[in-house]
Amino acid sequence: MAGMVHQLISVMKEQTERHTELYGLSLEEKDAIVKNDVEQLQSLLNLKNMVISQTGRLEKQRISLVTDIAEVTGNAKDDITLSDVVEILKDRPEEQEMLKDAGEKLRESVEKLKEINDLNKSLIESSLEFVEYSLNALRSTIAPEPVEYPTMKKPLADDASNAGTFDKTS
């Protein structure tokens, strides 16, 4: 089991590194949004997608390792948490402390990433609102004036005197 605990700690440290990498990319993304640099934004989004893919793979590993540790120790349950694993390791204080530390660093990295992503979301929403406002202002300045058609003053009668231009009776 010690090997699984060390693997779990390693996976969590790698997850923290990926989150830190995402945080750096998100900071660059913020600058690109402010500068309205679409090319840089596209490049950053591609990089972020690669890192997110790696993070997803690591998350699956982490969940699998937590489940395996719970099963090996006879504490298997569907909703096992990291806190549960820390409690399982109460007889191994060194591993328990390492796991707590890795969990706290991972949690902090996720919180920082969430904050910058929320900021970027707000910036993008503000940019979209500005673009929409600008488009509406532009449309109102270039929209043609409505055409007014003359109205008929007399009703048409059904007699030959009102024959139209294309009527062959004239």
N, C-alpha and C. Protein backbone atom coordinates (compact mmCIF):
# COMPACT_ATOMS: atom_id res chain seq x y z
N MET A 1 0.80 -1.19 0.00
CA MET A 1 0.00 0.00 0.00
C MET A 1 0.85 1.27 0.00
N ALA A 2 2.02 1.21 0.59
CA ALA A 2 2.89 2.38 0.64
C ALA A 2 3.20 2.87 -0.77
N GLY A 3 3.36 1.91 -1.69
CA GLY A 3 3.64 2.29 -3.08
C GLY A 3 2.47 3.05 -3.69
N MET A 4 1.25 2.61 -3.39
CA MET A 4 0.07 3.31 -3.93
C MET A 4 -0.06 4.72 -3.35
N VAL A 5 0.26 4.87 -2.07
CA VAL A 5 0.19 6.19 -1.44
C VAL A 5 1.20 7.12 -2.08
N HIS A 6 2.40 6.63 -2.32
CA HIS A 6 3.42 7.46 -2.96
C HIS A 6 3.05 7.79 -4.41
N GLN A 7 2.43 6.84 -5.09
CA GLN A 7 1.94 7.12 -6.44
C GLN A 7 0.87 8.21 -6.41
N LEU A 8 -0.03 8.11 -5.44
CA LEU A 8 -1.10 9.10 -5.29
C LEU A 8 -0.50 10.48 -5.05
N ILE A 9 0.46 10.56 -4.17
CA ILE A 9 1.11 11.84 -3.87
C ILE A 9 1.79 12.38 -5.13
N SER A 10 2.45 11.50 -5.86
CA SER A 10 3.12 11.91 -7.10
C SER A 10 2.12 12.43 -8.12
N VAL A 11 1.00 11.75 -8.29
CA VAL A 11 -0.03 12.17 -9.24
C VAL A 11 -0.59 13.54 -8.82
N MET A 12 -0.81 13.71 -7.53
CA MET A 12 -1.35 14.98 -7.05
C MET A 12 -0.36 16.13 -7.25
N LYS A 13 0.92 15.84 -7.06
CA LYS A 13 1.94 16.87 -7.31
C LYS A 13 1.97 17.23 -8.80
N GLU A 14 1.85 16.24 -9.66
CA GLU A 14 1.82 16.50 -11.09
C GLU A 14 0.57 17.29 -11.47
N GLN A 15 -0.56 16.97 -10.83
CA GLN A 15 -1.78 17.74 -11.08
C GLN A 15 -1.56 19.21 -10.69
N THR A 16 -0.93 19.42 -9.56
CA THR A 16 -0.65 20.78 -9.09
C THR A 16 0.23 21.51 -10.10
N GLU A 17 1.22 20.82 -10.64
CA GLU A 17 2.09 21.42 -11.67
C GLU A 17 1.29 21.79 -12.92
N ARG A 18 0.39 20.90 -13.34
CA ARG A 18 -0.45 21.20 -14.52
C ARG A 18 -1.37 22.39 -14.25
N HIS A 19 -1.92 22.45 -13.03
CA HIS A 19 -2.78 23.59 -12.68
C HIS A 19 -1.97 24.89 -12.66
N THR A 20 -0.75 24.81 -12.17
CA THR A 20 0.12 25.99 -12.16
C THR A 20 0.44 26.42 -13.60
N GLU A 21 0.65 25.45 -14.46
CA GLU A 21 0.87 25.75 -15.88
C GLU A 21 -0.37 26.40 -16.50
N LEU A 22 -1.54 25.86 -16.18
CA LEU A 22 -2.79 26.45 -16.67
C LEU A 22 -2.98 27.87 -16.14
N TYR A 23 -2.58 28.09 -14.91
CA TYR A 23 -2.69 29.43 -14.32
C TYR A 23 -1.83 30.42 -15.11
N GLY A 24 -0.60 30.02 -15.43
CA GLY A 24 0.28 30.88 -16.22
C GLY A 24 -0.31 31.17 -17.60
N LEU A 25 -0.85 30.15 -18.23
CA LEU A 25 -1.49 30.34 -19.54
C LEU A 25 -2.72 31.24 -19.43
N SER A 26 -3.45 31.11 -18.32
CA SER A 26 -4.63 31.94 -18.11
C SER A 26 -4.25 33.40 -17.89
N LEU A 27 -3.11 33.64 -17.24
CA LEU A 27 -2.63 35.02 -17.09
C LEU A 27 -2.29 35.62 -18.46
N GLU A 28 -1.64 34.81 -19.29
CA GLU A 28 -1.34 35.27 -20.65
C GLU A 28 -2.63 35.50 -21.43
N GLU A 29 -3.60 34.64 -21.20
CA GLU A 29 -4.89 34.77 -21.87
C GLU A 29 -5.56 36.08 -21.47
N LYS A 30 -5.46 36.43 -20.20
CA LYS A 30 -6.03 37.70 -19.71
C LYS A 30 -5.42 38.87 -20.47
N ASP A 31 -4.10 38.86 -20.62
CA ASP A 31 -3.43 39.93 -21.36
C ASP A 31 -3.88 39.97 -22.82
N ALA A 32 -4.03 38.80 -23.42
CA ALA A 32 -4.47 38.74 -24.82
C ALA A 32 -5.90 39.25 -24.97
N ILE A 33 -6.74 38.97 -24.00
CA ILE A 33 -8.11 39.47 -24.04
C ILE A 33 -8.11 40.99 -23.96
N VAL A 34 -7.33 41.52 -23.03
CA VAL A 34 -7.26 42.98 -22.86
C VAL A 34 -6.72 43.64 -24.13
N LYS A 35 -5.72 43.03 -24.76
CA LYS A 35 -5.13 43.57 -25.98
C LYS A 35 -5.96 43.25 -27.23
N ASN A 36 -6.95 42.41 -27.06
CA ASN A 36 -7.78 41.96 -28.17
C ASN A 36 -6.93 41.26 -29.25
N ASP A 37 -5.98 40.45 -28.80
CA ASP A 37 -5.08 39.73 -29.70
C ASP A 37 -5.66 38.34 -29.96
N VAL A 38 -6.45 38.23 -31.02
CA VAL A 38 -7.17 37.00 -31.32
C VAL A 38 -6.22 35.85 -31.65
N GLU A 39 -5.15 36.13 -32.36
CA GLU A 39 -4.19 35.06 -32.71
C GLU A 39 -3.55 34.46 -31.47
N GLN A 40 -3.13 35.33 -30.54
CA GLN A 40 -2.53 34.84 -29.31
C GLN A 40 -3.56 34.06 -28.49
N LEU A 41 -4.79 34.55 -28.46
CA LEU A 41 -5.85 33.84 -27.74
C LEU A 41 -6.03 32.43 -28.29
N GLN A 42 -6.07 32.30 -29.61
CA GLN A 42 -6.25 30.99 -30.24
C GLN A 42 -5.09 30.06 -29.88
N SER A 43 -3.89 30.59 -29.94
CA SER A 43 -2.71 29.79 -29.59
C SER A 43 -2.76 29.34 -28.13
N LEU A 44 -3.14 30.26 -27.25
CA LEU A 44 -3.22 29.93 -25.82
C LEU A 44 -4.32 28.90 -25.55
N LEU A 45 -5.43 29.03 -26.24
CA LEU A 45 -6.51 28.06 -26.06
C LEU A 45 -6.08 26.67 -26.49
N ASN A 46 -5.31 26.58 -27.56
CA ASN A 46 -4.80 25.27 -28.00
C ASN A 46 -3.88 24.67 -26.94
N LEU A 47 -2.99 25.50 -26.39
CA LEU A 47 -2.09 25.02 -25.34
C LEU A 47 -2.87 24.60 -24.10
N LYS A 48 -3.84 25.42 -23.72
CA LYS A 48 -4.65 25.10 -22.54
C LYS A 48 -5.39 23.78 -22.73
N ASN A 49 -5.92 23.55 -23.92
CA ASN A 49 -6.64 22.30 -24.17
C ASN A 49 -5.74 21.09 -23.99
N MET A 50 -4.49 21.20 -24.41
CA MET A 50 -3.54 20.10 -24.23
C MET A 50 -3.29 19.84 -22.75
N VAL A 51 -3.09 20.91 -21.99
CA VAL A 51 -2.82 20.76 -20.56
C VAL A 51 -4.07 20.24 -19.84
N ILE A 52 -5.23 20.71 -20.24
CA ILE A 52 -6.48 20.23 -19.63
C ILE A 52 -6.66 18.74 -19.88
N SER A 53 -6.28 18.29 -21.06
CA SER A 53 -6.35 16.87 -21.38
C SER A 53 -5.44 16.07 -20.44
N GLN A 54 -4.23 16.57 -20.21
CA GLN A 54 -3.31 15.92 -19.29
C GLN A 54 -3.88 15.90 -17.87
N THR A 55 -4.49 17.01 -17.49
CA THR A 55 -5.07 17.11 -16.15
C THR A 55 -6.20 16.11 -15.98
N GLY A 56 -7.00 15.93 -17.01
CA GLY A 56 -8.09 14.95 -16.96
C GLY A 56 -7.56 13.53 -16.77
N ARG A 57 -6.50 13.23 -17.49
CA ARG A 57 -5.88 11.90 -17.34
C ARG A 57 -5.36 11.71 -15.92
N LEU A 58 -4.73 12.73 -15.36
CA LEU A 58 -4.20 12.65 -14.00
C LEU A 58 -5.33 12.50 -12.98
N GLU A 59 -6.44 13.19 -13.22
CA GLU A 59 -7.57 13.09 -12.30
C GLU A 59 -8.12 11.67 -12.27
N LYS A 60 -8.19 11.03 -13.43
CA LYS A 60 -8.65 9.64 -13.47
C LYS A 60 -7.70 8.74 -12.68
N GLN A 61 -6.40 8.99 -12.83
CA GLN A 61 -5.41 8.21 -12.08
C GLN A 61 -5.59 8.42 -10.58
N ARG A 62 -5.78 9.67 -10.20
CA ARG A 62 -5.93 10.00 -8.78
C ARG A 62 -7.14 9.27 -8.19
N ILE A 63 -8.27 9.34 -8.89
CA ILE A 63 -9.48 8.68 -8.42
C ILE A 63 -9.27 7.17 -8.31
N SER A 64 -8.62 6.60 -9.30
CA SER A 64 -8.35 5.17 -9.29
C SER A 64 -7.46 4.77 -8.11
N LEU A 65 -6.44 5.57 -7.84
CA LEU A 65 -5.54 5.27 -6.74
C LEU A 65 -6.24 5.40 -5.39
N VAL A 66 -7.07 6.42 -5.23
CA VAL A 66 -7.81 6.58 -3.98
C VAL A 66 -8.73 5.38 -3.77
N THR A 67 -9.40 4.95 -4.82
CA THR A 67 -10.29 3.79 -4.74
C THR A 67 -9.51 2.53 -4.39
N ASP A 68 -8.36 2.34 -5.04
CA ASP A 68 -7.52 1.17 -4.76
C ASP A 68 -7.03 1.15 -3.31
N ILE A 69 -6.61 2.29 -2.82
CA ILE A 69 -6.14 2.37 -1.42
C ILE A 69 -7.27 2.01 -0.47
N ALA A 70 -8.46 2.54 -0.76
CA ALA A 70 -9.62 2.24 0.09
C ALA A 70 -9.94 0.75 0.07
N GLU A 71 -9.86 0.13 -1.10
CA GLU A 71 -10.16 -1.30 -1.20
C GLU A 71 -9.12 -2.15 -0.47
N VAL A 72 -7.85 -1.80 -0.64
CA VAL A 72 -6.77 -2.56 -0.01
C VAL A 72 -6.87 -2.48 1.52
N THR A 73 -7.31 -1.36 2.02
CA THR A 73 -7.40 -1.20 3.47
C THR A 73 -8.76 -1.61 4.03
N GLY A 74 -9.65 -2.09 3.17
CA GLY A 74 -10.96 -2.54 3.62
C GLY A 74 -11.92 -1.39 3.90
N ASN A 75 -11.66 -0.25 3.33
CA ASN A 75 -12.51 0.93 3.55
C ASN A 75 -13.20 1.37 2.26
N ALA A 76 -13.50 0.41 1.42
CA ALA A 76 -14.09 0.73 0.13
C ALA A 76 -15.49 1.28 0.30
N LYS A 77 -15.74 2.37 -0.41
CA LYS A 77 -17.08 2.94 -0.50
C LYS A 77 -17.14 3.79 -1.76
N ASP A 78 -18.34 4.07 -2.20
CA ASP A 78 -18.52 4.76 -3.48
C ASP A 78 -18.00 6.20 -3.47
N ASP A 79 -18.15 6.89 -2.37
CA ASP A 79 -17.81 8.30 -2.34
C ASP A 79 -16.58 8.58 -1.48
N ILE A 80 -15.54 7.79 -1.66
CA ILE A 80 -14.32 7.94 -0.88
C ILE A 80 -13.65 9.28 -1.24
N THR A 81 -13.20 9.98 -0.22
CA THR A 81 -12.55 11.27 -0.44
C THR A 81 -11.09 11.21 0.00
N LEU A 82 -10.37 12.25 -0.33
CA LEU A 82 -8.98 12.34 0.08
C LEU A 82 -8.90 12.40 1.60
N SER A 83 -9.84 13.08 2.23
CA SER A 83 -9.88 13.13 3.70
C SER A 83 -10.03 11.74 4.29
N ASP A 84 -10.81 10.90 3.63
CA ASP A 84 -10.97 9.51 4.09
C ASP A 84 -9.64 8.77 4.01
N VAL A 85 -8.92 8.98 2.94
CA VAL A 85 -7.62 8.30 2.79
C VAL A 85 -6.64 8.82 3.84
N VAL A 86 -6.67 10.12 4.10
CA VAL A 86 -5.80 10.68 5.15
C VAL A 86 -6.12 10.02 6.48
N GLU A 87 -7.38 9.82 6.77
CA GLU A 87 -7.80 9.17 8.01
C GLU A 87 -7.34 7.71 8.03
N ILE A 88 -7.41 7.05 6.88
CA ILE A 88 -6.95 5.65 6.78
C ILE A 88 -5.47 5.55 7.15
N LEU A 89 -4.71 6.60 6.83
CA LEU A 89 -3.27 6.59 7.05
C LEU A 89 -2.86 7.10 8.44
N LYS A 90 -3.78 7.09 9.40
CA LYS A 90 -3.47 7.63 10.73
C LYS A 90 -2.33 6.87 11.42
N ASP A 91 -2.12 5.61 11.05
CA ASP A 91 -1.01 4.83 11.62
C ASP A 91 0.30 5.08 10.88
N ARG A 92 0.26 5.88 9.86
CA ARG A 92 1.45 6.22 9.08
C ARG A 92 1.56 7.74 8.99
N PRO A 93 1.98 8.37 10.06
CA PRO A 93 1.95 9.84 10.13
C PRO A 93 2.79 10.54 9.05
N GLU A 94 3.89 9.94 8.65
CA GLU A 94 4.72 10.59 7.63
C GLU A 94 3.99 10.63 6.29
N GLU A 95 3.43 9.50 5.88
CA GLU A 95 2.68 9.46 4.62
C GLU A 95 1.42 10.30 4.73
N GLN A 96 0.79 10.27 5.89
CA GLN A 96 -0.41 11.06 6.11
C GLN A 96 -0.11 12.55 5.92
N GLU A 97 0.98 13.00 6.48
CA GLU A 97 1.35 14.42 6.36
C GLU A 97 1.71 14.78 4.91
N MET A 98 2.41 13.89 4.23
CA MET A 98 2.76 14.15 2.82
C MET A 98 1.49 14.24 1.97
N LEU A 99 0.53 13.37 2.24
CA LEU A 99 -0.72 13.37 1.49
C LEU A 99 -1.53 14.63 1.79
N LYS A 100 -1.59 15.03 3.06
CA LYS A 100 -2.27 16.27 3.43
C LYS A 100 -1.67 17.46 2.70
N ASP A 101 -0.34 17.51 2.70
CA ASP A 101 0.37 18.62 2.06
C ASP A 101 0.09 18.66 0.55
N ALA A 102 0.15 17.49 -0.08
CA ALA A 102 -0.13 17.42 -1.53
C ALA A 102 -1.56 17.83 -1.81
N GLY A 103 -2.49 17.42 -0.95
CA GLY A 103 -3.89 17.78 -1.12
C GLY A 103 -4.13 19.27 -0.97
N GLU A 104 -3.47 19.88 0.00
CA GLU A 104 -3.63 21.32 0.23
C GLU A 104 -3.06 22.12 -0.94
N LYS A 105 -1.90 21.72 -1.43
CA LYS A 105 -1.30 22.43 -2.57
C LYS A 105 -2.18 22.29 -3.82
N LEU A 106 -2.74 21.11 -4.02
CA LEU A 106 -3.63 20.90 -5.16
C LEU A 106 -4.88 21.77 -5.02
N ARG A 107 -5.44 21.82 -3.84
CA ARG A 107 -6.63 22.63 -3.59
C ARG A 107 -6.34 24.12 -3.84
N GLU A 108 -5.18 24.60 -3.37
CA GLU A 108 -4.79 26.00 -3.58
C GLU A 108 -4.62 26.30 -5.07
N SER A 109 -4.02 25.38 -5.80
CA SER A 109 -3.81 25.61 -7.23
C SER A 109 -5.14 25.66 -7.98
N VAL A 110 -6.09 24.84 -7.56
CA VAL A 110 -7.41 24.84 -8.19
C VAL A 110 -8.13 26.16 -7.90
N GLU A 111 -8.02 26.65 -6.67
CA GLU A 111 -8.67 27.91 -6.31
C GLU A 111 -8.09 29.09 -7.09
N LYS A 112 -6.76 29.13 -7.21
CA LYS A 112 -6.12 30.20 -7.99
C LYS A 112 -6.57 30.15 -9.45
N LEU A 113 -6.62 28.96 -9.99
CA LEU A 113 -7.03 28.77 -11.38
C LEU A 113 -8.48 29.21 -11.57
N LYS A 114 -9.33 28.87 -10.62
CA LYS A 114 -10.74 29.28 -10.70
C LYS A 114 -10.86 30.80 -10.68
N GLU A 115 -10.09 31.47 -9.84
CA GLU A 115 -10.14 32.94 -9.75
C GLU A 115 -9.76 33.59 -11.08
N ILE A 116 -8.65 33.15 -11.68
CA ILE A 116 -8.22 33.77 -12.93
C ILE A 116 -9.19 33.43 -14.06
N ASN A 117 -9.75 32.23 -14.04
CA ASN A 117 -10.73 31.87 -15.07
C ASN A 117 -12.00 32.70 -14.93
N ASP A 118 -12.42 32.98 -13.69
CA ASP A 118 -13.59 33.84 -13.47
C ASP A 118 -13.31 35.25 -13.98
N LEU A 119 -12.10 35.75 -13.72
CA LEU A 119 -11.72 37.08 -14.22
C LEU A 119 -11.73 37.10 -15.75
N ASN A 120 -11.15 36.10 -16.37
CA ASN A 120 -11.12 36.03 -17.84
C ASN A 120 -12.54 35.94 -18.41
N LYS A 121 -13.40 35.20 -17.73
CA LYS A 121 -14.79 35.10 -18.18
C LYS A 121 -15.45 36.47 -18.15
N SER A 122 -15.22 37.21 -17.07
CA SER A 122 -15.79 38.56 -16.97
C SER A 122 -15.24 39.48 -18.06
N LEU A 123 -13.95 39.39 -18.32
CA LEU A 123 -13.35 40.22 -19.37
C LEU A 123 -13.92 39.89 -20.74
N ILE A 124 -14.10 38.62 -21.01
CA ILE A 124 -14.67 38.20 -22.30
C ILE A 124 -16.11 38.68 -22.42
N GLU A 125 -16.88 38.54 -21.34
CA GLU A 125 -18.26 39.01 -21.38
C GLU A 125 -18.32 40.52 -21.62
N SER A 126 -17.42 41.27 -20.96
CA SER A 126 -17.37 42.72 -21.17
C SER A 126 -16.98 43.05 -22.61
N SER A 127 -16.04 42.31 -23.15
CA SER A 127 -15.63 42.52 -24.54
C SER A 127 -16.78 42.24 -25.49
N LEU A 128 -17.51 41.18 -25.25
CA LEU A 128 -18.65 40.84 -26.10
C LEU A 128 -19.74 41.90 -26.01
N GLU A 129 -19.97 42.41 -24.81
CA GLU A 129 -20.97 43.48 -24.65
C GLU A 129 -20.54 44.72 -25.43
N PHE A 130 -19.25 45.05 -25.37
CA PHE A 130 -18.75 46.21 -26.09
C PHE A 130 -18.90 46.01 -27.60
N VAL A 131 -18.57 44.81 -28.08
CA VAL A 131 -18.71 44.52 -29.51
C VAL A 131 -20.17 44.64 -29.92
N GLU A 132 -21.06 44.10 -29.13
CA GLU A 132 -22.49 44.17 -29.44
C GLU A 132 -22.96 45.63 -29.46
N TYR A 133 -22.52 46.40 -28.48
CA TYR A 133 -22.88 47.83 -28.44
C TYR A 133 -22.36 48.54 -29.69
N SER A 134 -21.11 48.26 -30.04
CA SER A 134 -20.50 48.90 -31.22
C SER A 134 -21.25 48.53 -32.49
N LEU A 135 -21.60 47.25 -32.62
CA LEU A 135 -22.35 46.81 -33.80
C LEU A 135 -23.71 47.50 -33.88
N ASN A 136 -24.39 47.59 -32.75
CA ASN A 136 -25.69 48.27 -32.74
C ASN A 136 -25.55 49.74 -33.10
N ALA A 137 -24.51 50.39 -32.59
CA ALA A 137 -24.28 51.80 -32.91
C ALA A 137 -23.97 51.95 -34.40
N LEU A 138 -23.17 51.05 -34.94
CA LEU A 138 -22.83 51.10 -36.35
C LEU A 138 -24.05 50.85 -37.22
N ARG A 139 -24.86 49.90 -36.84
CA ARG A 139 -26.08 49.61 -37.60
C ARG A 139 -27.01 50.82 -37.62
N SER A 140 -27.13 51.50 -36.50
CA SER A 140 -28.05 52.63 -36.45
C SER A 140 -27.55 53.80 -37.28
N THR A 141 -26.25 53.92 -37.49
CA THR A 141 -25.74 55.03 -38.30
C THR A 141 -25.79 54.74 -39.79
N ILE A 142 -25.77 53.46 -40.17
CA ILE A 142 -25.78 53.15 -41.60
C ILE A 142 -27.11 52.60 -42.09
N ALA A 143 -28.07 52.46 -41.21
CA ALA A 143 -29.37 51.92 -41.62
C ALA A 143 -30.08 52.94 -42.50
N PRO A 144 -30.62 52.51 -43.64
CA PRO A 144 -31.32 53.45 -44.52
C PRO A 144 -32.61 53.93 -43.87
N GLU A 145 -32.98 55.14 -44.26
CA GLU A 145 -34.24 55.69 -43.77
C GLU A 145 -35.36 54.87 -44.37
N PRO A 146 -36.41 54.68 -43.63
CA PRO A 146 -37.52 53.88 -44.18
C PRO A 146 -38.15 54.59 -45.37
N VAL A 147 -38.47 53.82 -46.38
CA VAL A 147 -39.08 54.36 -47.59
C VAL A 147 -40.58 54.50 -47.34
N GLU A 148 -41.10 55.68 -47.71
CA GLU A 148 -42.54 55.89 -47.55
C GLU A 148 -43.18 55.82 -48.93
N TYR A 149 -44.12 54.95 -49.04
CA TYR A 149 -44.83 54.78 -50.29
C TYR A 149 -46.10 55.64 -50.26
N PRO A 150 -46.45 56.23 -51.41
CA PRO A 150 -47.68 57.04 -51.41
C PRO A 150 -48.89 56.15 -51.21
N THR A 151 -49.86 56.70 -50.58
CA THR A 151 -51.09 55.94 -50.36
C THR A 151 -52.09 56.28 -51.44
N MET A 152 -53.00 55.40 -51.72
CA MET A 152 -54.03 55.64 -52.72
C MET A 152 -55.11 56.49 -52.08
N LYS A 153 -55.50 57.49 -52.83
CA LYS A 153 -56.50 58.39 -52.29
C LYS A 153 -57.91 57.97 -52.69
N LYS A 154 -58.06 57.34 -53.87
CA LYS A 154 -59.38 56.90 -54.32
C LYS A 154 -59.39 55.39 -54.38
N PRO A 155 -60.49 54.81 -54.00
CA PRO A 155 -60.58 53.36 -54.16
C PRO A 155 -60.77 53.00 -55.62
N LEU A 156 -60.26 51.89 -56.01
CA LEU A 156 -60.40 51.43 -57.38
C LEU A 156 -61.81 50.91 -57.61
N ALA A 157 -62.35 51.23 -58.79
CA ALA A 157 -63.67 50.72 -59.14
C ALA A 157 -63.50 49.62 -60.15
N ASP A 158 -64.50 48.79 -60.28
CA ASP A 158 -64.44 47.68 -61.21
C ASP A 158 -65.00 48.07 -62.57
N ASP A 159 -64.53 49.14 -63.16
CA ASP A 159 -65.04 49.47 -64.48
C ASP A 159 -63.88 49.65 -65.45
N ALA A 160 -64.16 49.80 -66.71
CA ALA A 160 -63.16 49.86 -67.77
C ALA A 160 -62.36 51.14 -67.73
N SER A 161 -62.86 52.19 -67.09
CA SER A 161 -62.11 53.45 -67.06
C SER A 161 -60.87 53.34 -66.20
N ASN A 162 -60.80 52.35 -65.37
CA ASN A 162 -59.63 52.15 -64.52
C ASN A 162 -58.73 51.05 -65.06
N ALA A 163 -58.80 50.81 -66.32
CA ALA A 163 -57.99 49.74 -66.91
C ALA A 163 -56.53 50.09 -66.74
N GLY A 164 -55.74 49.10 -66.43
CA GLY A 164 -54.31 49.33 -66.20
C GLY A 164 -53.52 49.46 -67.49
N THR A 165 -52.28 49.76 -67.39
CA THR A 165 -51.40 49.95 -68.53
C THR A 165 -51.27 48.70 -69.35
N PHE A 166 -51.32 47.59 -68.74
CA PHE A 166 -51.12 46.33 -69.44
C PHE A 166 -52.43 45.70 -69.90
N ASP A 167 -53.49 46.38 -69.72
CA ASP A 167 -54.80 45.87 -70.11
C ASP A 167 -54.95 46.06 -71.62
N LYS A 168 -55.31 45.05 -72.39
CA LYS A 168 -55.37 45.12 -73.85
C LYS A 168 -56.68 45.77 -74.34
N THR A 169 -57.52 46.17 -73.48
CA THR A 169 -58.78 46.76 -73.91
C THR A 169 -58.62 48.20 -74.35
N SER A 170 -57.57 48.87 -74.12
CA SER A 170 -57.45 50.27 -74.51
C SER A 170 -57.00 50.47 -75.91
